[in-house]
Amino acid sequence: MKVSELLEKFIVFTSNEEQALYEKLPAHATPYNSYSEREQVVLENLIRKRLVSKISTKNMVMVAKNE
């Protein structure tokens, strides 16, 4: 069995709140500061679970879905 076959079946547990925010995220990168404080905490959880990426530029932090 190949690793890619295993990863297709691998499911990351997410809470209802994490799932709702993940589904609400647009396909393109958005500013991290545009989210409320609570949403930023949930985004940090999604970043730790590798479902969302945090992209740092010179003067802005963006978040984007990992597809």
N, C-alpha and C. Protein backbone atom coordinates (compact mmCIF):
# COMPACT_ATOMS: atom_id res chain seq x y z
N MET A 1 0.85 -1.18 0.00
CA MET A 1 0.00 0.00 0.00
C MET A 1 0.89 1.24 0.00
N LYS A 2 0.55 2.21 -0.83
CA LYS A 2 1.32 3.44 -0.94
C LYS A 2 0.89 4.45 0.12
N VAL A 3 1.79 5.35 0.44
CA VAL A 3 1.50 6.39 1.43
C VAL A 3 0.34 7.26 0.96
N SER A 4 0.30 7.59 -0.33
CA SER A 4 -0.79 8.43 -0.85
C SER A 4 -2.15 7.77 -0.66
N GLU A 5 -2.20 6.46 -0.75
CA GLU A 5 -3.46 5.75 -0.52
C GLU A 5 -3.88 5.84 0.94
N LEU A 6 -2.91 5.78 1.83
CA LEU A 6 -3.22 5.90 3.25
C LEU A 6 -3.70 7.31 3.60
N LEU A 7 -3.07 8.30 3.02
CA LEU A 7 -3.42 9.68 3.34
C LEU A 7 -4.80 10.07 2.82
N GLU A 8 -5.26 9.46 1.75
CA GLU A 8 -6.59 9.74 1.25
C GLU A 8 -7.65 9.33 2.26
N LYS A 9 -7.39 8.28 3.00
CA LYS A 9 -8.34 7.77 3.98
C LYS A 9 -8.16 8.42 5.35
N PHE A 10 -7.10 9.19 5.52
CA PHE A 10 -6.79 9.81 6.81
C PHE A 10 -7.70 11.00 7.04
N ILE A 11 -8.42 11.00 8.16
CA ILE A 11 -9.37 12.07 8.47
C ILE A 11 -8.88 12.80 9.73
N VAL A 12 -8.85 14.12 9.66
CA VAL A 12 -8.46 14.94 10.80
C VAL A 12 -9.72 15.35 11.54
N PHE A 13 -9.77 15.08 12.83
CA PHE A 13 -10.93 15.45 13.64
C PHE A 13 -11.00 16.96 13.76
N THR A 14 -12.17 17.52 13.53
CA THR A 14 -12.41 18.95 13.74
C THR A 14 -13.70 19.11 14.52
N SER A 15 -13.72 20.13 15.37
CA SER A 15 -14.94 20.43 16.12
C SER A 15 -15.95 21.09 15.18
N ASN A 16 -17.17 21.22 15.64
CA ASN A 16 -18.21 21.88 14.84
C ASN A 16 -17.81 23.32 14.52
N GLU A 17 -17.24 24.01 15.50
CA GLU A 17 -16.83 25.40 15.32
C GLU A 17 -15.70 25.51 14.29
N GLU A 18 -14.73 24.59 14.37
CA GLU A 18 -13.63 24.58 13.41
C GLU A 18 -14.14 24.27 12.00
N GLN A 19 -15.04 23.32 11.89
CA GLN A 19 -15.58 22.94 10.60
C GLN A 19 -16.36 24.10 9.98
N ALA A 20 -17.15 24.80 10.78
CA ALA A 20 -17.93 25.94 10.27
C ALA A 20 -17.02 27.05 9.75
N LEU A 21 -15.97 27.36 10.49
CA LEU A 21 -15.05 28.41 10.05
C LEU A 21 -14.27 27.95 8.83
N TYR A 22 -13.86 26.69 8.79
CA TYR A 22 -13.12 26.16 7.65
C TYR A 22 -13.96 26.26 6.37
N GLU A 23 -15.23 25.92 6.47
CA GLU A 23 -16.12 25.99 5.31
C GLU A 23 -16.37 27.43 4.88
N LYS A 24 -16.30 28.36 5.83
CA LYS A 24 -16.54 29.78 5.54
C LYS A 24 -15.32 30.46 4.90
N LEU A 25 -14.13 29.86 5.06
CA LEU A 25 -12.92 30.46 4.50
C LEU A 25 -13.00 30.47 2.97
N PRO A 26 -12.64 31.60 2.36
CA PRO A 26 -12.63 31.64 0.88
C PRO A 26 -11.44 30.87 0.32
N ALA A 27 -11.45 30.63 -0.97
CA ALA A 27 -10.38 29.87 -1.62
C ALA A 27 -9.07 30.65 -1.67
N HIS A 28 -9.14 31.98 -1.66
CA HIS A 28 -7.94 32.81 -1.70
C HIS A 28 -7.51 33.22 -0.29
N ALA A 29 -6.28 33.68 -0.17
CA ALA A 29 -5.74 34.11 1.13
C ALA A 29 -6.45 35.37 1.61
N THR A 30 -6.72 35.42 2.92
CA THR A 30 -7.38 36.58 3.52
C THR A 30 -6.56 37.06 4.73
N PRO A 31 -6.66 38.35 5.07
CA PRO A 31 -5.89 38.87 6.22
C PRO A 31 -6.34 38.22 7.53
N TYR A 32 -5.37 37.83 8.33
CA TYR A 32 -5.63 37.19 9.62
C TYR A 32 -6.38 38.16 10.55
N ASN A 33 -6.04 39.44 10.48
CA ASN A 33 -6.65 40.44 11.37
C ASN A 33 -8.10 40.75 11.02
N SER A 34 -8.58 40.27 9.89
CA SER A 34 -9.97 40.52 9.51
C SER A 34 -10.94 39.62 10.28
N TYR A 35 -10.41 38.66 11.03
CA TYR A 35 -11.24 37.75 11.81
C TYR A 35 -11.32 38.22 13.26
N SER A 36 -12.42 37.87 13.92
CA SER A 36 -12.59 38.23 15.33
C SER A 36 -11.57 37.48 16.19
N GLU A 37 -11.48 37.88 17.44
CA GLU A 37 -10.52 37.25 18.35
C GLU A 37 -10.81 35.75 18.51
N ARG A 38 -12.07 35.40 18.64
CA ARG A 38 -12.45 33.99 18.79
C ARG A 38 -12.11 33.20 17.51
N GLU A 39 -12.41 33.80 16.34
CA GLU A 39 -12.10 33.14 15.09
C GLU A 39 -10.60 32.95 14.91
N GLN A 40 -9.80 33.88 15.43
CA GLN A 40 -8.35 33.74 15.35
C GLN A 40 -7.87 32.56 16.18
N VAL A 41 -8.49 32.32 17.33
CA VAL A 41 -8.15 31.16 18.16
C VAL A 41 -8.48 29.87 17.40
N VAL A 42 -9.65 29.84 16.78
CA VAL A 42 -10.05 28.66 16.01
C VAL A 42 -9.12 28.48 14.81
N LEU A 43 -8.73 29.58 14.16
CA LEU A 43 -7.79 29.50 13.04
C LEU A 43 -6.45 28.92 13.49
N GLU A 44 -5.98 29.31 14.68
CA GLU A 44 -4.73 28.76 15.20
C GLU A 44 -4.84 27.24 15.37
N ASN A 45 -5.99 26.77 15.81
CA ASN A 45 -6.21 25.32 15.93
C ASN A 45 -6.15 24.65 14.56
N LEU A 46 -6.76 25.28 13.57
CA LEU A 46 -6.75 24.72 12.21
C LEU A 46 -5.34 24.75 11.62
N ILE A 47 -4.56 25.76 11.97
CA ILE A 47 -3.17 25.84 11.52
C ILE A 47 -2.36 24.71 12.14
N ARG A 48 -2.56 24.44 13.43
CA ARG A 48 -1.85 23.34 14.10
C ARG A 48 -2.21 21.99 13.48
N LYS A 49 -3.45 21.87 13.02
CA LYS A 49 -3.90 20.61 12.39
C LYS A 49 -3.53 20.55 10.91
N ARG A 50 -2.84 21.58 10.41
CA ARG A 50 -2.37 21.67 9.02
C ARG A 50 -3.51 21.73 8.00
N LEU A 51 -4.66 22.25 8.40
CA LEU A 51 -5.77 22.42 7.47
C LEU A 51 -5.76 23.81 6.85
N VAL A 52 -5.08 24.74 7.53
CA VAL A 52 -4.96 26.13 7.08
C VAL A 52 -3.50 26.54 7.19
N SER A 53 -3.05 27.37 6.24
CA SER A 53 -1.68 27.88 6.27
C SER A 53 -1.67 29.34 6.68
N LYS A 54 -0.65 29.70 7.42
CA LYS A 54 -0.44 31.10 7.81
C LYS A 54 0.71 31.61 6.94
N ILE A 55 0.45 32.68 6.19
CA ILE A 55 1.43 33.24 5.27
C ILE A 55 1.84 34.62 5.78
N SER A 56 3.12 34.77 6.12
CA SER A 56 3.62 36.04 6.63
C SER A 56 4.32 36.81 5.53
N THR A 57 3.95 38.08 5.40
CA THR A 57 4.64 38.99 4.49
C THR A 57 5.28 40.09 5.33
N LYS A 58 5.81 41.11 4.69
CA LYS A 58 6.49 42.18 5.41
C LYS A 58 5.63 42.80 6.50
N ASN A 59 4.42 43.18 6.16
CA ASN A 59 3.59 43.89 7.13
C ASN A 59 2.19 43.31 7.28
N MET A 60 1.98 42.07 6.85
CA MET A 60 0.65 41.47 6.96
C MET A 60 0.75 39.96 7.10
N VAL A 61 -0.19 39.39 7.83
CA VAL A 61 -0.29 37.94 7.97
C VAL A 61 -1.59 37.52 7.29
N MET A 62 -1.48 36.54 6.39
CA MET A 62 -2.63 36.04 5.66
C MET A 62 -2.87 34.58 6.03
N VAL A 63 -4.10 34.12 5.88
CA VAL A 63 -4.43 32.71 6.09
C VAL A 63 -5.11 32.18 4.83
N ALA A 64 -4.83 30.93 4.51
CA ALA A 64 -5.42 30.30 3.33
C ALA A 64 -5.66 28.83 3.60
N LYS A 65 -6.70 28.29 2.98
CA LYS A 65 -7.01 26.86 3.08
C LYS A 65 -5.91 26.05 2.43
N ASN A 66 -5.61 24.90 2.99
CA ASN A 66 -4.75 23.92 2.34
C ASN A 66 -5.66 22.98 1.58
N GLU A 67 -5.57 22.97 0.29
CA GLU A 67 -6.44 22.13 -0.54
C GLU A 67 -5.75 20.84 -0.88
